[in-house]
């Protein structure tokens, strides 16, 4: 079961929209945006995407981090150089989770946050 789909709101945070655009430009696959603000006290959105390899994940994570810093956002990145198949960029109001296909299937964040609202892109 997946999160209920809803159209993209007219006003996403600009830094979140920038991350969506960058990941699309950098050929991230299967982008999903889930609003979890109603069911999580940790963050408002999870942006989940798949990279084709660990080097691709690292490049995606660095591009997202640089874009967020350019927007004046404070960010924390983890997993970018550890070959784990999972990179997380925490921008506090939203989190970007970048996975290899295998790790995305294994951790299944979409299933974990099925009570969230899937935002159509």
Foldseek 3Di string as FASTA:
>chain_A
DFAAEDEADPDDPPLVVVLVVLCVVLPWADWWKWQCVVPDPFAGIETETEDAALQSQLVSVVVSVVSCVVVVFDWDWPDNPDRPQWIWICSRNYIYIYGHPVVCVVVVVRVVRNNTYIYDD
